[in-house]
């Protein structure tokens, strides 16, 4: 912890200077740690970040495949499925053996799947790095499972889907994505379409092909962060991953046609819930040097964040909504800019929608003050830095950046772009992206 605050102080006074061997060489780097990027002959990329951490290490295997990559009709849900299957292990270290070893060394091992990537993460003591790397490389290179094991896990995934149906948020997300997208694979949620999940037990051979296409070294990035020696660690990476064969096959993602008309949908949830109102506008892919992307990020916070006038009015003063937030996804392809709120009175939904529209219109006409803009920009800077005090937090923060951009230099590029945003840029994106013809409105209401 002490080392982090020293780094932060250096950044705030003169910038975190990078050594000649690091990838982050910009003199005003916002990322406060030195790091190295190495690539093996098989194109496996490794990002090493030594930091003071009392002997702790975070080990993230970022597979740059998520539900976005599921472009073949009838085969959604496989990225999430392999999050499960990877814990089945190999012939050398079957799942129960893998679990036993991880328990013995006290490692915290888990995984998650998103639209753009799948992430396998572990936290453990530095003395167990060799053991962890031996097991992780083995399951990534030699995953093995029987058809019966496949069918068993497919049943578990189906059970997870059914469990999700008890939440109104699952119903809302499904309806929003399938309404907003017509061609692109963002149309289905990460867990997949229900009919595909139900048919999954019969797709054993397809699953083997999915693994061979996507679980390849050129599609994976290792993030190894914490109390490590970079030179010794890279020798271990070469030893355990050097023989991994290439063979990645890029997915054929269909392009989404331009939306020219507002789309609306309603969801009736069988359980009890307050109404949820979502306004989603077609956005853009993450590009750290795109001024529009940075300006939208700031706009969302100025218009709908916790310090915004509308938030103070609807959430705090009038208490007409439970919460209010806006999100700009960090995605490989253009996704949605989403404004979402939960309304306390079902008869007030249309009025709340009008309040959201009025706020957008205000920003379309008026210029935000430079003072407000700078405050929000500084908040973004320091919010990012405050979440980098442990290896686990650093790895968790970097995972999506790595998955979307294949590296972490995008961080410095993005904050350099953020520094260039002007009040006129804010007004421009409000008029360019927050328009009715590019909007999808979904309202979820309880059935009881």
Protein backbone atom coordinates (compact mmCIF):
# COMPACT_ATOMS: atom_id res chain seq x y z
CA UNK A 1 0.00 0.00 0.00
CA UNK A 2 2.78 2.39 0.90
CA UNK A 3 4.40 1.88 -2.50
CA UNK A 4 1.16 2.82 -4.24
CA UNK A 5 0.82 6.13 -2.43
CA UNK A 6 4.42 7.01 -3.31
CA UNK A 7 3.59 6.29 -6.95
CA UNK A 8 0.43 8.36 -6.73
CA UNK A 9 2.33 11.29 -5.25
CA UNK A 10 4.85 11.05 -8.09
CA UNK A 11 2.04 11.11 -10.62
CA UNK A 12 0.33 14.14 -9.16
CA UNK A 13 3.54 16.16 -9.04
CA UNK A 14 5.51 15.15 -12.12
CA UNK A 15 3.97 12.09 -13.76
CA UNK A 16 4.87 8.42 -13.36
CA UNK A 17 8.02 7.99 -15.43
CA UNK A 18 8.49 4.65 -17.18
CA UNK A 19 11.78 2.84 -17.61
CA UNK A 20 13.20 2.21 -21.12
CA UNK A 21 12.05 -1.42 -20.90
CA UNK A 22 8.43 -0.61 -20.20
CA UNK A 23 5.63 -0.12 -22.68
CA UNK A 24 4.30 2.92 -20.83
CA UNK A 25 6.92 5.47 -21.79
CA UNK A 26 4.87 8.65 -21.92
CA UNK A 27 6.24 11.24 -19.45
CA UNK A 28 2.75 12.08 -18.19
CA UNK A 29 1.46 8.52 -17.86
CA UNK A 30 -1.62 8.27 -15.65
CA UNK A 31 -1.01 4.56 -15.03
CA UNK A 32 1.19 4.65 -11.90
CA UNK A 33 3.14 1.40 -12.26
CA UNK A 34 5.98 0.32 -14.48
CA UNK A 35 5.03 -2.61 -16.66
CA UNK A 36 6.50 -4.86 -19.31
CA UNK A 37 4.80 -6.40 -22.31
CA UNK A 38 6.34 -9.58 -23.71
CA UNK A 39 5.15 -11.78 -26.56
CA UNK A 40 6.17 -15.40 -27.08
CA UNK A 41 6.89 -16.87 -30.51
CA UNK A 42 3.36 -18.34 -30.51
CA UNK A 43 1.98 -14.79 -30.04
CA UNK A 44 0.88 -15.27 -26.44
CA UNK A 45 1.05 -11.80 -24.91
CA UNK A 46 2.18 -11.40 -21.31
CA UNK A 47 1.84 -8.19 -19.27
CA UNK A 48 3.97 -8.09 -16.12
CA UNK A 49 3.37 -5.50 -13.40
CA UNK A 50 5.64 -5.79 -10.35
CA UNK A 51 4.23 -3.94 -7.35
CA UNK A 52 4.60 -3.97 -3.60
CA UNK A 53 1.93 -6.34 -2.32
CA UNK A 54 3.16 -8.26 0.75
CA UNK A 55 3.80 -11.42 -1.26
CA UNK A 56 0.49 -11.49 -3.15
CA UNK A 57 0.10 -12.18 -6.87
CA UNK A 58 -2.90 -11.82 -9.19
CA UNK A 59 -2.89 -14.03 -12.28
CA UNK A 60 -5.46 -13.23 -14.97
CA UNK A 61 -5.89 -15.19 -18.21
CA UNK A 62 -7.91 -12.92 -20.49
CA UNK A 63 -9.44 -14.81 -23.42
CA UNK A 64 -10.46 -12.27 -26.04
CA UNK A 65 -13.63 -14.19 -26.83
CA UNK A 66 -17.05 -13.48 -25.37
CA UNK A 67 -20.65 -13.78 -26.49
CA UNK A 68 -19.84 -11.28 -29.27
CA UNK A 69 -17.89 -14.04 -31.03
CA UNK A 70 -20.89 -16.40 -31.20
CA UNK A 71 -21.91 -15.57 -34.76
CA UNK A 72 -23.16 -19.00 -35.89
CA UNK A 73 -26.93 -19.40 -35.73
CA UNK A 74 -28.11 -21.74 -33.01
CA UNK A 75 -24.81 -21.69 -31.10
CA UNK A 76 -25.03 -18.85 -28.60
CA UNK A 77 -23.86 -19.28 -25.03
CA UNK A 78 -20.63 -21.17 -25.71
CA UNK A 79 -18.24 -18.52 -24.42
CA UNK A 80 -20.01 -18.68 -21.06
CA UNK A 81 -20.18 -22.46 -21.30
CA UNK A 82 -16.39 -22.67 -21.54
CA UNK A 83 -16.04 -20.59 -18.42
CA UNK A 84 -17.61 -23.65 -16.77
CA UNK A 85 -15.82 -26.34 -18.78
CA UNK A 86 -12.32 -25.00 -18.10
CA UNK A 87 -12.74 -26.13 -14.49
CA UNK A 88 -13.22 -29.73 -15.71
CA UNK A 89 -9.45 -29.92 -16.06
CA UNK A 90 -7.27 -32.21 -18.10
CA UNK A 91 -6.13 -35.83 -18.13
CA UNK A 92 -3.08 -34.81 -16.09
CA UNK A 93 -4.97 -32.59 -13.63
CA UNK A 94 -8.70 -33.45 -13.64
CA UNK A 95 -11.09 -30.94 -12.13
CA UNK A 96 -11.14 -32.49 -8.67
CA UNK A 97 -7.33 -32.57 -8.56
CA UNK A 98 -7.13 -28.96 -9.77
CA UNK A 99 -9.58 -27.90 -7.05
CA UNK A 100 -7.68 -29.82 -4.37
CA UNK A 101 -4.36 -28.20 -5.26
CA UNK A 102 -5.89 -24.73 -5.35
CA UNK A 103 -7.42 -25.31 -1.93
CA UNK A 104 -4.11 -26.56 -0.55
CA UNK A 105 -2.21 -23.45 -1.61
CA UNK A 106 -5.05 -21.16 -0.52
CA UNK A 107 -5.60 -19.74 -3.99
CA UNK A 108 -8.76 -17.85 -4.83
CA UNK A 109 -9.67 -19.16 -8.33
CA UNK A 110 -12.70 -18.07 -10.31
CA UNK A 111 -13.87 -16.83 -13.72
CA UNK A 112 -16.48 -14.71 -15.48
CA UNK A 113 -17.77 -14.16 -19.01
CA UNK A 114 -18.80 -10.94 -20.73
CA UNK A 115 -19.87 -9.78 -24.16
CA UNK A 116 -16.27 -9.26 -25.37
CA UNK A 117 -14.11 -11.61 -23.29
CA UNK A 118 -13.82 -14.44 -20.80
CA UNK A 119 -11.55 -14.00 -17.78
CA UNK A 120 -10.00 -16.64 -15.50
CA UNK A 121 -8.45 -15.14 -12.38
CA UNK A 122 -6.48 -16.32 -9.38
CA UNK A 123 -5.01 -14.66 -6.31
CA UNK A 124 -2.32 -16.45 -4.31
CA UNK A 125 1.05 -16.19 -2.57
CA UNK A 126 4.14 -15.59 -4.70
CA UNK A 127 5.73 -18.88 -3.60
CA UNK A 128 3.01 -20.77 -5.53
CA UNK A 129 3.48 -19.03 -8.89
CA UNK A 130 5.17 -22.07 -10.44
CA UNK A 131 2.36 -24.38 -9.32
CA UNK A 132 -0.33 -22.04 -10.61
CA UNK A 133 1.37 -21.55 -13.96
CA UNK A 134 1.80 -25.30 -14.38
CA UNK A 135 -1.92 -25.94 -13.82
CA UNK A 136 -3.20 -22.94 -15.78
CA UNK A 137 -1.07 -23.65 -18.84
CA UNK A 138 -2.13 -27.28 -18.77
CA UNK A 139 -5.87 -26.60 -18.80
CA UNK A 140 -5.58 -23.91 -21.45
CA UNK A 141 -3.51 -26.15 -23.71
CA UNK A 142 -4.98 -29.57 -22.91
CA UNK A 143 -8.59 -29.18 -21.74
CA UNK A 144 -10.29 -32.57 -21.82
CA UNK A 145 -13.80 -33.72 -21.05
CA UNK A 146 -16.09 -36.58 -21.99
CA UNK A 147 -19.39 -36.22 -23.78
CA UNK A 148 -21.18 -37.13 -20.56
CA UNK A 149 -19.31 -34.41 -18.64
CA UNK A 150 -20.24 -31.99 -21.39
CA UNK A 151 -23.92 -32.86 -21.09
CA UNK A 152 -23.78 -32.55 -17.31
CA UNK A 153 -22.27 -29.08 -17.49
CA UNK A 154 -24.73 -28.04 -20.22
CA UNK A 155 -27.50 -28.95 -17.80
CA UNK A 156 -25.89 -26.78 -15.14
CA UNK A 157 -25.73 -23.85 -17.57
CA UNK A 158 -29.43 -24.33 -18.36
CA UNK A 159 -30.14 -24.29 -14.63
CA UNK A 160 -28.19 -21.05 -14.30
CA UNK A 161 -30.28 -19.54 -17.09
CA UNK A 162 -33.53 -20.58 -15.41
CA UNK A 163 -32.31 -19.15 -12.10
CA UNK A 164 -31.62 -15.86 -13.85
CA UNK A 165 -35.24 -15.67 -14.94
CA UNK A 166 -36.19 -14.96 -11.32
CA UNK A 167 -34.55 -11.53 -11.72
CA UNK A 168 -36.28 -8.71 -13.60
CA UNK A 169 -32.87 -7.53 -14.81
CA UNK A 170 -32.37 -10.68 -16.90
CA UNK A 171 -35.70 -10.14 -18.64
CA UNK A 172 -34.93 -6.47 -19.20
CA UNK A 173 -31.49 -7.12 -20.68
CA UNK A 174 -32.79 -9.81 -23.04
CA UNK A 175 -35.55 -7.58 -24.37
CA UNK A 176 -33.31 -4.52 -24.65
CA UNK A 177 -30.56 -6.26 -26.63
CA UNK A 178 -32.83 -8.16 -29.00
CA UNK A 179 -34.81 -4.98 -29.67
CA UNK A 180 -31.81 -2.67 -30.14
CA UNK A 181 -29.80 -5.04 -32.37
CA UNK A 182 -30.99 -6.85 -35.48
CA UNK A 183 -27.79 -8.30 -36.98
CA UNK A 184 -24.82 -7.88 -34.64
CA UNK A 185 -24.05 -10.59 -32.10
CA UNK A 186 -24.57 -8.13 -29.23
CA UNK A 187 -28.21 -9.03 -29.88
CA UNK A 188 -27.97 -11.99 -27.52
CA UNK A 189 -26.92 -11.72 -23.90
CA UNK A 190 -23.80 -13.39 -22.56
CA UNK A 191 -25.61 -16.51 -21.39
CA UNK A 192 -27.23 -16.93 -24.82
CA UNK A 193 -30.68 -17.49 -26.30
CA UNK A 194 -32.85 -19.92 -24.36
CA UNK A 195 -33.48 -22.25 -27.31
CA UNK A 196 -29.73 -22.55 -27.91
CA UNK A 197 -29.03 -23.34 -24.25
CA UNK A 198 -31.72 -26.02 -24.25
CA UNK A 199 -30.17 -27.59 -27.37
CA UNK A 200 -26.60 -27.36 -26.04
CA UNK A 201 -26.38 -30.96 -24.67
CA UNK A 202 -26.44 -32.23 -28.28
CA UNK A 203 -23.50 -30.05 -29.39
CA UNK A 204 -20.51 -31.93 -27.99
CA UNK A 205 -18.56 -31.97 -31.26
CA UNK A 206 -19.24 -28.28 -31.84
CA UNK A 207 -17.88 -27.50 -28.38
CA UNK A 208 -14.56 -29.15 -29.23
CA UNK A 209 -14.33 -27.04 -32.36
CA UNK A 210 -15.15 -23.86 -30.40
CA UNK A 211 -12.32 -24.59 -27.99
CA UNK A 212 -9.84 -25.23 -30.80
CA UNK A 213 -10.74 -21.99 -32.58
CA UNK A 214 -10.70 -19.56 -29.66
CA UNK A 215 -8.53 -20.99 -26.88
CA UNK A 216 -5.29 -20.30 -28.68
CA UNK A 217 -2.23 -18.31 -27.57
CA UNK A 218 -2.72 -15.47 -30.04
CA UNK A 219 -6.19 -14.87 -28.54
CA UNK A 220 -5.11 -14.84 -24.88
CA UNK A 221 -3.35 -12.22 -22.74
CA UNK A 222 -1.77 -13.08 -19.39
CA UNK A 223 -1.83 -10.40 -16.70
CA UNK A 224 0.60 -11.24 -13.90
CA UNK A 225 0.65 -8.59 -11.19
CA UNK A 226 2.10 -8.27 -7.73
CA UNK A 227 5.18 -9.44 -5.87
CA UNK A 228 7.00 -10.91 -8.88
CA UNK A 229 10.41 -10.85 -10.50
CA UNK A 230 9.71 -10.09 -14.17
CA UNK A 231 12.73 -11.94 -15.59
CA UNK A 232 12.13 -15.12 -13.59
CA UNK A 233 8.41 -14.99 -14.31
CA UNK A 234 8.96 -14.77 -18.07
CA UNK A 235 11.22 -17.82 -17.92
CA UNK A 236 8.35 -19.73 -16.33
CA UNK A 237 5.91 -18.47 -18.97
CA UNK A 238 8.23 -19.67 -21.72
CA UNK A 239 8.64 -23.03 -19.99
CA UNK A 240 4.94 -23.70 -19.52
CA UNK A 241 3.30 -21.92 -22.46
CA UNK A 242 6.00 -22.00 -25.14
CA UNK A 243 4.72 -25.22 -26.76
CA UNK A 244 1.12 -23.98 -27.08
CA UNK A 245 0.14 -24.27 -30.74
CA UNK A 246 -1.41 -21.38 -32.66
CA UNK A 247 -4.66 -21.74 -34.61
CA UNK A 248 -7.03 -18.90 -33.70
CA UNK A 249 -9.85 -18.38 -36.20
CA UNK A 250 -11.42 -14.90 -36.11
CA UNK A 251 -15.23 -14.80 -35.91
CA UNK A 252 -17.30 -13.40 -38.78
CA UNK A 253 -19.21 -10.71 -36.90
CA UNK A 254 -22.10 -9.21 -38.92
CA UNK A 255 -22.27 -5.44 -39.06
CA UNK A 256 -25.28 -3.78 -37.46
CA UNK A 257 -27.33 -1.65 -39.90
CA UNK A 258 -27.77 1.99 -38.95
CA UNK A 259 -30.87 2.56 -36.82
CA UNK A 260 -33.12 5.20 -38.34
CA UNK A 261 -36.26 4.93 -36.20
CA UNK A 262 -37.00 4.75 -32.49
CA UNK A 263 -37.79 1.28 -31.17
CA UNK A 264 -39.97 0.56 -28.14
CA UNK A 265 -40.72 -2.56 -26.14
CA UNK A 266 -42.38 -3.51 -22.86
CA UNK A 267 -41.64 -6.39 -20.52
CA UNK A 268 -44.07 -7.78 -17.98
CA UNK A 269 -42.21 -9.48 -15.16
CA UNK A 270 -44.28 -12.09 -13.32
CA UNK A 271 -42.85 -11.19 -9.92
CA UNK A 272 -42.95 -8.05 -7.82
CA UNK A 273 -40.79 -5.12 -8.91
CA UNK A 274 -40.91 -1.39 -9.37
CA UNK A 275 -40.99 -0.27 -13.01
CA UNK A 276 -37.59 -0.01 -14.70
CA UNK A 277 -37.16 2.51 -17.50
CA UNK A 278 -34.29 2.21 -19.98
CA UNK A 279 -33.33 4.63 -22.75
CA UNK A 280 -30.57 3.17 -24.89
CA UNK A 281 -28.87 5.04 -27.74
CA UNK A 282 -26.59 3.52 -30.37
CA UNK A 283 -23.04 4.33 -29.36
CA UNK A 284 -19.58 3.58 -30.69
CA UNK A 285 -16.76 1.13 -30.17
CA UNK A 286 -14.09 1.96 -27.62
CA UNK A 287 -11.34 4.05 -29.16
CA UNK A 288 -9.07 5.76 -26.62
CA UNK A 289 -8.23 8.51 -29.11
CA UNK A 290 -11.81 9.25 -30.18
CA UNK A 291 -12.89 12.59 -28.72
CA UNK A 292 -16.56 11.64 -29.12
CA UNK A 293 -16.14 8.59 -26.88
CA UNK A 294 -14.47 10.63 -24.14
CA UNK A 295 -17.07 13.39 -24.43
CA UNK A 296 -19.97 10.92 -24.10
CA UNK A 297 -18.34 9.46 -20.99
CA UNK A 298 -18.23 12.90 -19.40
CA UNK A 299 -21.73 13.80 -20.63
CA UNK A 300 -23.23 10.72 -18.95
CA UNK A 301 -21.84 11.79 -15.58
CA UNK A 302 -22.71 15.47 -15.95
CA UNK A 303 -26.26 14.76 -17.05
CA UNK A 304 -27.19 11.65 -15.04
CA UNK A 305 -24.43 10.98 -12.49
CA UNK A 306 -24.69 11.40 -8.73
CA UNK A 307 -23.59 15.06 -8.86
CA UNK A 308 -25.99 15.95 -11.70
CA UNK A 309 -28.94 18.30 -11.25
CA UNK A 310 -31.36 15.61 -12.38
CA UNK A 311 -30.03 13.07 -9.88
CA UNK A 312 -30.36 15.57 -7.05
CA UNK A 313 -33.91 16.32 -8.13
CA UNK A 314 -35.33 12.85 -8.86
CA UNK A 315 -33.37 10.68 -6.42
CA UNK A 316 -32.63 12.94 -3.46
CA UNK A 317 -35.11 15.80 -3.33
CA UNK A 318 -38.33 14.43 -4.89
CA UNK A 319 -37.49 10.72 -4.35
CA UNK A 320 -39.42 9.71 -7.47
CA UNK A 321 -36.83 7.13 -8.55
CA UNK A 322 -34.76 4.58 -6.65
CA UNK A 323 -31.63 5.29 -8.65
CA UNK A 324 -30.44 6.92 -11.86
CA UNK A 325 -27.36 6.08 -13.91
CA UNK A 326 -25.94 6.22 -17.42
CA UNK A 327 -23.34 3.92 -18.93
CA UNK A 328 -21.17 3.96 -22.03
CA UNK A 329 -19.93 0.46 -22.68
CA UNK A 330 -16.26 -0.23 -23.41
CA UNK A 331 -16.69 -2.61 -26.32
CA UNK A 332 -14.85 -3.86 -29.39
CA UNK A 333 -17.82 -2.96 -31.60
CA UNK A 334 -20.43 -0.19 -31.31
CA UNK A 335 -22.77 -0.97 -28.44
CA UNK A 336 -25.33 1.02 -26.43
CA UNK A 337 -25.25 4.19 -24.34
CA UNK A 338 -27.74 3.30 -21.64
CA UNK A 339 -29.69 5.53 -19.26
CA UNK A 340 -31.56 3.51 -16.66
CA UNK A 341 -33.74 4.27 -13.67
CA UNK A 342 -36.20 2.51 -11.36
CA UNK A 343 -39.42 4.47 -10.88
CA UNK A 344 -41.25 4.42 -7.56
CA UNK A 345 -44.75 5.03 -8.99
CA UNK A 346 -45.85 3.07 -12.08
CA UNK A 347 -48.02 6.02 -13.11
CA UNK A 348 -44.97 8.28 -13.18
CA UNK A 349 -42.97 6.38 -15.84
CA UNK A 350 -43.90 8.64 -18.75
CA UNK A 351 -43.16 11.74 -16.68
CA UNK A 352 -39.75 10.40 -15.72
CA UNK A 353 -39.00 9.64 -19.37
CA UNK A 354 -39.89 13.26 -20.14
CA UNK A 355 -37.49 14.43 -17.42
CA UNK A 356 -34.68 12.40 -19.01
CA UNK A 357 -35.48 13.83 -22.43
CA UNK A 358 -35.52 17.39 -21.08
CA UNK A 359 -32.08 16.89 -19.58
CA UNK A 360 -30.69 15.66 -22.90
CA UNK A 361 -32.27 18.64 -24.68
CA UNK A 362 -30.73 21.04 -22.19
CA UNK A 363 -27.24 19.72 -22.96
CA UNK A 364 -28.01 19.84 -26.67
CA UNK A 365 -28.65 23.58 -26.41
CA UNK A 366 -26.44 24.84 -23.58
CA UNK A 367 -22.72 24.65 -22.98
CA UNK A 368 -21.57 23.10 -19.72
CA UNK A 369 -19.32 25.40 -17.71
CA UNK A 370 -15.55 24.76 -17.94
CA UNK A 371 -15.50 24.46 -14.15
CA UNK A 372 -18.01 21.59 -14.10
CA UNK A 373 -16.20 19.89 -16.93
CA UNK A 374 -12.85 20.07 -15.12
CA UNK A 375 -14.34 18.79 -11.88
CA UNK A 376 -15.78 15.76 -13.66
CA UNK A 377 -12.57 15.16 -15.54
CA UNK A 378 -10.53 15.23 -12.31
CA UNK A 379 -13.03 12.93 -10.66
CA UNK A 380 -12.54 10.43 -13.47
CA UNK A 381 -8.74 10.63 -13.12
CA UNK A 382 -8.64 10.10 -9.38
CA UNK A 383 -11.45 7.55 -9.37
CA UNK A 384 -9.30 5.43 -11.65
CA UNK A 385 -6.18 5.85 -9.53
CA UNK A 386 -7.91 5.11 -6.23
CA UNK A 387 -8.81 1.63 -7.48
CA UNK A 388 -5.23 0.50 -8.07
CA UNK A 389 -3.93 -0.25 -4.59
CA UNK A 390 -3.77 -4.09 -4.73
CA UNK A 391 -2.75 -6.57 -7.45
CA UNK A 392 -6.32 -7.89 -7.61
CA UNK A 393 -7.79 -4.42 -8.12
CA UNK A 394 -5.21 -3.54 -10.76
CA UNK A 395 -5.87 -6.76 -12.66
CA UNK A 396 -9.64 -6.38 -12.36
CA UNK A 397 -9.47 -2.81 -13.65
CA UNK A 398 -7.24 -3.73 -16.59
CA UNK A 399 -8.99 -6.91 -17.74
CA UNK A 400 -11.56 -5.25 -20.02
CA UNK A 401 -9.04 -2.75 -21.40
CA UNK A 402 -6.73 -5.64 -22.27
CA UNK A 403 -9.56 -7.66 -23.82
CA UNK A 404 -10.84 -4.81 -25.97
CA UNK A 405 -7.53 -3.27 -27.04
CA UNK A 406 -4.99 -6.11 -26.59
CA UNK A 407 -2.89 -3.98 -24.22
CA UNK A 408 -2.95 -1.30 -21.53
CA UNK A 409 -1.41 1.65 -23.34
CA UNK A 410 -5.00 2.64 -24.19
CA UNK A 411 -5.31 3.99 -20.63
CA UNK A 412 -2.82 6.80 -21.15
CA UNK A 413 -4.23 7.49 -24.62
CA UNK A 414 -7.77 7.72 -23.25
CA UNK A 415 -6.93 10.13 -20.44
CA UNK A 416 -4.92 12.25 -22.86
CA UNK A 417 -8.03 12.43 -25.03
CA UNK A 418 -10.21 13.17 -22.01
CA UNK A 419 -8.00 16.16 -21.25
CA UNK A 420 -8.86 17.62 -24.68
CA UNK A 421 -12.65 17.50 -24.28
CA UNK A 422 -14.30 20.95 -24.39
CA UNK A 423 -17.82 22.17 -23.54
CA UNK A 424 -18.51 22.31 -27.28
CA UNK A 425 -17.57 18.64 -27.59
CA UNK A 426 -20.12 17.80 -24.89
CA UNK A 427 -22.84 19.66 -26.74
CA UNK A 428 -21.82 18.08 -30.04
CA UNK A 429 -22.15 14.48 -28.82
CA UNK A 430 -25.46 15.27 -27.12
CA UNK A 431 -26.80 16.30 -30.52
CA UNK A 432 -25.06 13.56 -32.49
CA UNK A 433 -25.78 10.44 -30.45
CA UNK A 434 -28.69 11.22 -28.11
CA UNK A 435 -31.31 11.45 -30.82
CA UNK A 436 -34.69 9.78 -31.02
CA UNK A 437 -34.11 7.83 -34.22
CA UNK A 438 -31.11 6.04 -32.65
CA UNK A 439 -32.95 5.23 -29.44
CA UNK A 440 -34.46 2.06 -28.00
CA UNK A 441 -36.85 2.48 -25.06
CA UNK A 442 -37.73 -0.50 -22.90
CA UNK A 443 -40.01 -0.42 -19.86
CA UNK A 444 -40.27 -3.36 -17.48
CA UNK A 445 -43.26 -3.59 -15.14
CA UNK A 446 -44.15 -6.09 -12.44
CA UNK A 447 -47.05 -8.42 -12.96
CA UNK A 448 -48.17 -8.27 -9.33
